[in-house]
Every structure is written in C-alpha cells, then in structure tokens.
C-alpha cells in the first residue's frame, strides 16, 4: 500500500541527496512545515492531553486500528531471525530502516511475534500536525514525540523513554532520521537511538526490512511490493564502557549488521551511487525521443 501522490519529485530529491552525500536529509515534499511557536503549541497540547481519560480512550481505539492495519498490510510479510532475540524479555530500543509511513507495521508484527504487546514509536513533532486518520494515529497511538530542544529532551523525552523501557516495552527509533520513500539501502545512523539504549542499559534490537517487488501494479508509478523483516543479532551495552563509548560502538555495530543484511538480501555490495532499482517497485517515467 502506498501513501501519498506522485513521488517523482521525492525520488529526484533522493537522487540529489545521494550525489551530495546527504543521506539523512529530508526529501519528502508534503511534510508539515511549522514555526517554532506552532511546534511548541502542538507538543504542549500533546503533553497536556497525554494523561487524560480522553487520550487513554482514543489510545485504545488507535491501537486497535493499528493492530488491524498491521495484520492486513503484512499478510505476506515474512519474518526471519526471531530466534536472535528469544532471550530478550524486557525493555529494548528497536532500530530499522525507514522507507514508508507504514513500515513500522512490519516492525510491529515482528515485535508482537517476539512477545511485546506494545511498540512505542519515536516520531518528529511535526507529524502531530498531520490531518485525517494518520493525524489521529499520530496523536493517539503509542507515539513519543521528538523535539530537538535541550529542555524538552531532558524534562520530557528522556523520562518518557525511561518509563516505557522500565515497563518492559519496545521503542522503535529510526536512526536514519528522515524517511526515504521505498529506498532499499540502509543509511548511516545517527547516535540518538544508541544513546538512549546505553543510558538505560537496554539492548538494541537491530532490524532490516528487505523490500521485494511483485508483478502486479499498485499504480502507474509503482509495482506492488512485499517485505521480509530480518531480525538481526541484538546489541548490548558494555557495562565497562561509558554511555558515549557504548552509543558509538552500538551505532557502528548496528550499521555494520544492516549493511551485511542488505548485501545478503540483494546480492550486491552497498554503495550510495544512485540507481533506479534503489527505489523498490518504481516504474521510472519513459524518456521521450
């Protein structure tokens, strides 16, 4: 299932970003653009609403919708490697490549199979401004909004992460930061996910989603696709190392694993040269003349 309209401009942005070596930059064209005041307002509304009865009621409804969507969207999703995390029974940070607004459903299916009842997702605060049913889910599902502001990170974000980990939940943090639509390749991670694993003394559940093309068309731009969720070996913080040392080493190992998973899945070495096949299912426009 695809979300959004024509992706030609988005793909052009990805091509340009790879040429510039800017592999974590924003490429989407329709994301909400908010002022500082608007960002603060929507986050304050979320925090004020978070503990209310109305939020809890809507959260139950949103989780039911998400569970249903997860089953429907991932009927053909194959999960490999669950045996790698069979010894993990408490809180964990989950990392995965980010290529669709719906790719978290594949992660959710895997984590449900692993025994986690809930998957919390760290999401940029601008997503709270989305409209329609996606906006409802963003504001009422198990979302932990991320604001790149020091006071917020220390006063709200860090404690919310700690609370869910202490409760034994899994938290999905996309270390690539920005979504690149249907991009097959793992991109170099940022350190935040691994920092929160290190300071909370929990493992990183390392995942990589392979995207396979199917014969039928989704629309005139894309063929249908299906996912193979690869659950890789978990990465644990070393108690003899500092949080900074652990976060750097865990980040290095996670990227190394994702690269290896990509190369095994697609049968080729990872480079960041741009090819049309990098975009799963894409039907490039015909060149006239």
Protein backbone atom coordinates (compact mmCIF):
# COMPACT_ATOMS: atom_id res chain seq x y z
CA UNK A 1 0.00 0.00 0.00
CA UNK A 2 1.35 3.43 -0.96
CA UNK A 3 0.63 6.68 0.84
CA UNK A 4 0.75 9.97 -1.00
CA UNK A 5 0.59 11.11 -4.57
CA UNK A 6 3.21 11.38 -7.27
CA UNK A 7 6.68 10.53 -5.98
CA UNK A 8 8.77 11.78 -8.92
CA UNK A 9 9.92 14.92 -7.05
CA UNK A 10 10.69 12.92 -3.90
CA UNK A 11 12.82 10.48 -5.89
CA UNK A 12 14.59 13.39 -7.57
CA UNK A 13 15.37 14.75 -4.10
CA UNK A 14 16.79 11.36 -3.07
CA UNK A 15 18.97 11.22 -6.18
CA UNK A 16 20.33 14.71 -5.45
CA UNK A 17 20.90 13.90 -1.77
CA UNK A 18 22.94 10.78 -2.60
CA UNK A 19 25.06 12.79 -5.03
CA UNK A 20 25.75 15.28 -2.25
CA UNK A 21 26.33 12.59 0.37
CA UNK A 22 23.46 13.97 2.47
CA UNK A 23 21.95 10.63 3.43
CA UNK A 24 19.95 11.80 6.45
CA UNK A 25 18.31 14.89 4.96
CA UNK A 26 14.60 15.49 4.39
CA UNK A 27 13.40 14.56 0.89
CA UNK A 28 9.61 14.49 1.28
CA UNK A 29 7.72 17.40 -0.25
CA UNK A 30 4.45 17.32 1.68
CA UNK A 31 5.60 17.17 5.31
CA UNK A 32 4.07 19.84 7.56
CA UNK A 33 6.20 22.98 7.91
CA UNK A 34 5.69 24.64 11.28
CA UNK A 35 7.04 27.71 13.01
CA UNK A 36 8.75 27.41 16.39
CA UNK A 37 5.57 28.68 18.06
CA UNK A 38 3.42 26.12 16.23
CA UNK A 39 5.78 23.29 17.18
CA UNK A 40 5.67 24.31 20.84
CA UNK A 41 1.87 24.56 20.75
CA UNK A 42 1.23 21.10 19.31
CA UNK A 43 3.73 19.46 21.65
CA UNK A 44 2.27 21.25 24.67
CA UNK A 45 -1.20 20.09 23.61
CA UNK A 46 0.10 16.52 23.33
CA UNK A 47 1.74 16.61 26.75
CA UNK A 48 -1.35 18.14 28.37
CA UNK A 49 -3.58 15.54 26.73
CA UNK A 50 -1.30 12.55 27.32
CA UNK A 51 -2.54 11.64 30.82
CA UNK A 52 -6.24 12.37 30.32
CA UNK A 53 -9.10 9.87 30.14
CA UNK A 54 -9.93 11.09 26.64
CA UNK A 55 -6.41 10.30 25.45
CA UNK A 56 -6.48 6.84 27.03
CA UNK A 57 -9.80 6.06 25.34
CA UNK A 58 -8.53 7.27 21.96
CA UNK A 59 -5.29 5.37 22.52
CA UNK A 60 -7.20 2.10 22.87
CA UNK A 61 -9.07 2.86 19.64
CA UNK A 62 -5.88 3.88 17.82
CA UNK A 63 -4.06 0.74 18.94
CA UNK A 64 -6.96 -1.41 17.74
CA UNK A 65 -6.84 0.31 14.35
CA UNK A 66 -3.08 -0.12 14.17
CA UNK A 67 -3.28 -3.80 15.09
CA UNK A 68 -5.86 -4.36 12.36
CA UNK A 69 -3.76 -2.44 9.83
CA UNK A 70 -0.68 -4.42 10.85
CA UNK A 71 -2.42 -7.73 10.15
CA UNK A 72 -3.85 -6.55 6.81
CA UNK A 73 -0.75 -4.81 5.48
CA UNK A 74 1.61 -7.60 6.50
CA UNK A 75 -0.34 -10.67 5.44
CA UNK A 76 2.56 -11.52 3.10
CA UNK A 77 5.39 -10.19 5.27
CA UNK A 78 7.94 -12.83 6.16
CA UNK A 79 9.87 -12.57 9.43
CA UNK A 80 13.31 -14.10 9.76
CA UNK A 81 15.66 -14.20 12.75
CA UNK A 82 13.28 -14.06 15.72
CA UNK A 83 15.47 -16.69 17.37
CA UNK A 84 18.13 -13.98 17.71
CA UNK A 85 16.08 -12.15 20.35
CA UNK A 86 14.45 -15.04 22.18
CA UNK A 87 16.43 -14.20 25.35
CA UNK A 88 15.21 -10.59 25.46
CA UNK A 89 12.19 -10.18 27.73
CA UNK A 90 12.38 -6.58 28.93
CA UNK A 91 12.57 -3.10 27.51
CA UNK A 92 14.55 -2.58 24.32
CA UNK A 93 15.29 0.01 21.67
CA UNK A 94 14.39 -1.20 18.16
CA UNK A 95 16.11 0.21 15.08
CA UNK A 96 15.11 -0.29 11.46
CA UNK A 97 15.47 1.32 8.04
CA UNK A 98 12.80 3.95 7.35
CA UNK A 99 11.20 3.96 3.89
CA UNK A 100 7.44 4.28 4.38
CA UNK A 101 4.90 5.79 6.79
CA UNK A 102 3.69 2.20 7.19
CA UNK A 103 6.99 0.34 7.59
CA UNK A 104 6.53 0.41 11.37
CA UNK A 105 3.74 -2.16 10.90
CA UNK A 106 6.33 -4.71 9.77
CA UNK A 107 8.38 -3.95 12.87
CA UNK A 108 5.24 -4.20 14.99
CA UNK A 109 4.41 -7.62 13.57
CA UNK A 110 7.90 -8.87 14.41
CA UNK A 111 7.84 -7.44 17.92
CA UNK A 112 4.38 -8.90 18.56
CA UNK A 113 5.73 -12.29 17.49
CA UNK A 114 8.63 -11.77 19.89
CA UNK A 115 6.21 -11.27 22.79
CA UNK A 116 5.92 -7.48 23.02
CA UNK A 117 2.32 -6.33 23.43
CA UNK A 118 3.06 -2.71 22.55
CA UNK A 119 5.52 -0.94 20.28
CA UNK A 120 6.16 2.73 21.00
CA UNK A 121 7.48 4.86 18.15
CA UNK A 122 9.62 7.97 18.39
CA UNK A 123 8.30 10.49 15.88
CA UNK A 124 9.20 14.07 14.96
CA UNK A 125 6.83 16.58 16.49
CA UNK A 126 5.77 17.88 13.07
CA UNK A 127 3.95 14.59 12.48
CA UNK A 128 1.49 15.60 15.20
CA UNK A 129 0.22 18.23 12.75
CA UNK A 130 -0.85 15.67 10.15
CA UNK A 131 -4.54 15.53 9.26
CA UNK A 132 -7.10 12.76 8.79
CA UNK A 133 -6.72 9.25 10.10
CA UNK A 134 -2.92 9.45 10.04
CA UNK A 135 -3.11 12.56 12.22
CA UNK A 136 -5.44 10.75 14.62
CA UNK A 137 -2.98 7.86 14.92
CA UNK A 138 -0.01 10.19 15.34
CA UNK A 139 -1.74 11.99 18.21
CA UNK A 140 -3.27 8.99 19.97
CA UNK A 141 -1.26 5.88 19.15
CA UNK A 142 1.83 4.86 21.14
CA UNK A 143 3.91 7.81 19.92
CA UNK A 144 6.74 9.55 21.75
CA UNK A 145 7.23 12.95 20.07
CA UNK A 146 10.78 14.13 19.49
CA UNK A 147 11.64 17.81 19.73
CA UNK A 148 15.23 18.84 19.09
CA UNK A 149 15.34 21.16 22.06
CA UNK A 150 17.54 20.59 25.09
CA UNK A 151 14.99 21.38 27.82
CA UNK A 152 12.34 19.16 26.22
CA UNK A 153 14.79 16.27 25.76
CA UNK A 154 15.82 16.33 29.42
CA UNK A 155 12.48 17.19 31.03
CA UNK A 156 10.06 15.16 28.91
CA UNK A 157 11.58 12.96 26.20
CA UNK A 158 14.20 11.17 28.29
CA UNK A 159 11.76 10.38 31.14
CA UNK A 160 9.12 9.10 28.68
CA UNK A 161 11.71 6.77 27.11
CA UNK A 162 12.83 5.57 30.54
CA UNK A 163 9.25 4.99 31.72
CA UNK A 164 8.38 2.76 28.75
CA UNK A 165 11.65 0.81 28.94
CA UNK A 166 11.18 0.24 32.67
CA UNK A 167 7.69 -1.00 31.84
CA UNK A 168 9.24 -3.60 29.55
CA UNK A 169 8.10 -2.11 26.25
CA UNK A 170 9.88 -1.94 22.90
CA UNK A 171 10.58 1.52 21.46
CA UNK A 172 11.22 2.00 17.75
CA UNK A 173 13.68 4.80 16.97
CA UNK A 174 14.61 5.36 13.35
CA UNK A 175 18.36 6.14 13.42
CA UNK A 176 18.30 7.30 9.78
CA UNK A 177 16.03 10.15 10.98
CA UNK A 178 14.21 11.03 7.76
CA UNK A 179 12.01 8.70 5.70
CA UNK A 180 13.22 7.98 2.14
CA UNK A 181 10.30 6.52 0.23
CA UNK A 182 10.84 2.88 -0.83
CA UNK A 183 14.62 3.31 -0.62
CA UNK A 184 16.12 -0.16 -0.29
CA UNK A 185 19.50 0.75 1.17
CA UNK A 186 20.32 1.22 4.86
CA UNK A 187 21.62 4.72 5.52
CA UNK A 188 24.25 5.74 8.08
CA UNK A 189 22.64 6.12 11.50
CA UNK A 190 22.64 8.98 13.96
CA UNK A 191 23.63 8.34 17.58
CA UNK A 192 20.40 9.14 19.46
CA UNK A 193 18.83 5.66 19.47
CA UNK A 194 22.01 4.10 20.82
CA UNK A 195 22.49 6.80 23.45
CA UNK A 196 19.08 6.02 24.96
CA UNK A 197 19.84 2.30 24.90
CA UNK A 198 23.17 2.92 26.60
CA UNK A 199 21.95 5.26 29.37
CA UNK A 200 19.02 2.95 30.14
CA UNK A 201 21.15 -0.22 29.99
CA UNK A 202 18.92 -1.99 27.48
CA UNK A 203 19.73 -3.84 24.25
CA UNK A 204 19.21 -2.64 20.71
CA UNK A 205 17.05 -4.96 18.62
CA UNK A 206 18.57 -4.47 15.20
CA UNK A 207 16.23 -4.92 12.21
CA UNK A 208 16.44 -4.53 8.45
CA UNK A 209 13.45 -4.66 6.13
CA UNK A 210 14.04 -6.10 2.67
CA UNK A 211 11.57 -4.93 0.01
CA UNK A 212 10.69 -7.38 -2.76
CA UNK A 213 8.94 -6.34 -5.98
CA UNK A 214 5.80 -8.18 -7.08
CA UNK A 215 4.43 -8.50 -10.63
CA UNK A 216 1.18 -6.56 -10.20
CA UNK A 217 0.99 -2.76 -10.31
CA UNK A 218 -0.01 -0.68 -7.31
CA UNK A 219 -0.47 2.32 -9.61
CA UNK A 220 1.17 3.76 -12.72
CA UNK A 221 4.30 4.68 -10.75
CA UNK A 222 4.92 1.57 -8.67
CA UNK A 223 4.64 -2.19 -8.72
CA UNK A 224 3.31 -3.89 -5.63
CA UNK A 225 5.86 -4.97 -3.04
CA UNK A 226 6.17 -7.21 -0.02
CA UNK A 227 8.51 -7.17 2.97
CA UNK A 228 10.97 -9.55 4.53
CA UNK A 229 11.71 -8.44 8.08
CA UNK A 230 15.22 -9.50 9.13
CA UNK A 231 15.66 -9.50 12.91
CA UNK A 232 19.42 -9.35 13.39
CA UNK A 233 21.57 -10.08 16.42
CA UNK A 234 20.82 -7.84 19.42
CA UNK A 235 23.46 -5.36 20.52
CA UNK A 236 24.11 -4.92 24.24
CA UNK A 237 25.81 -2.04 26.05
CA UNK A 238 29.10 -2.93 27.72
CA UNK A 239 28.90 -2.14 31.47
CA UNK A 240 32.62 -1.36 31.47
CA UNK A 241 32.19 1.48 28.96
CA UNK A 242 30.72 4.96 29.29
CA UNK A 243 27.37 5.83 27.74
CA UNK A 244 29.15 7.77 25.00
CA UNK A 245 31.52 4.90 24.21
CA UNK A 246 28.66 2.41 24.22
CA UNK A 247 26.45 4.53 21.99
CA UNK A 248 29.22 4.95 19.42
CA UNK A 249 30.09 1.25 19.38
CA UNK A 250 26.46 0.12 19.29
CA UNK A 251 25.81 2.51 16.40
CA UNK A 252 28.80 1.14 14.50
CA UNK A 253 27.75 -2.48 15.03
CA UNK A 254 24.14 -1.81 14.08
CA UNK A 255 25.08 -0.13 10.82
CA UNK A 256 27.53 -2.95 10.08
CA UNK A 257 24.77 -5.53 10.58
CA UNK A 258 22.28 -3.65 8.43
CA UNK A 259 24.83 -3.31 5.61
CA UNK A 260 25.55 -7.05 5.78
CA UNK A 261 21.81 -7.82 5.74
CA UNK A 262 21.33 -5.58 2.69
CA UNK A 263 24.20 -7.19 0.82
CA UNK A 264 22.94 -10.70 1.56
CA UNK A 265 19.33 -9.86 0.69
CA UNK A 266 20.09 -8.15 -2.62
CA UNK A 267 23.27 -9.98 -3.58
CA UNK A 268 25.44 -6.91 -4.14
CA UNK A 269 27.80 -4.60 -2.30
CA UNK A 270 26.37 -1.47 -0.75
CA UNK A 271 27.31 1.79 -2.43
CA UNK A 272 25.44 5.07 -2.42
CA UNK A 273 25.61 5.55 -6.16
CA UNK A 274 22.01 6.15 -7.23
CA UNK A 275 20.26 3.57 -9.41
CA UNK A 276 16.59 3.35 -10.35
CA UNK A 277 16.44 -0.07 -8.68
CA UNK A 278 17.26 1.58 -5.35
CA UNK A 279 13.58 2.60 -5.21
CA UNK A 280 11.57 -0.58 -4.64
CA UNK A 281 8.81 -1.17 -7.17
CA UNK A 282 9.43 2.09 -9.03
CA UNK A 283 8.49 2.34 -12.70
CA UNK A 284 10.71 5.17 -14.00
CA UNK A 285 8.99 7.51 -16.46
CA UNK A 286 9.72 6.75 -20.11
CA UNK A 287 12.28 9.03 -21.73
CA UNK A 288 10.80 10.62 -24.85
CA UNK A 289 12.77 10.88 -28.07
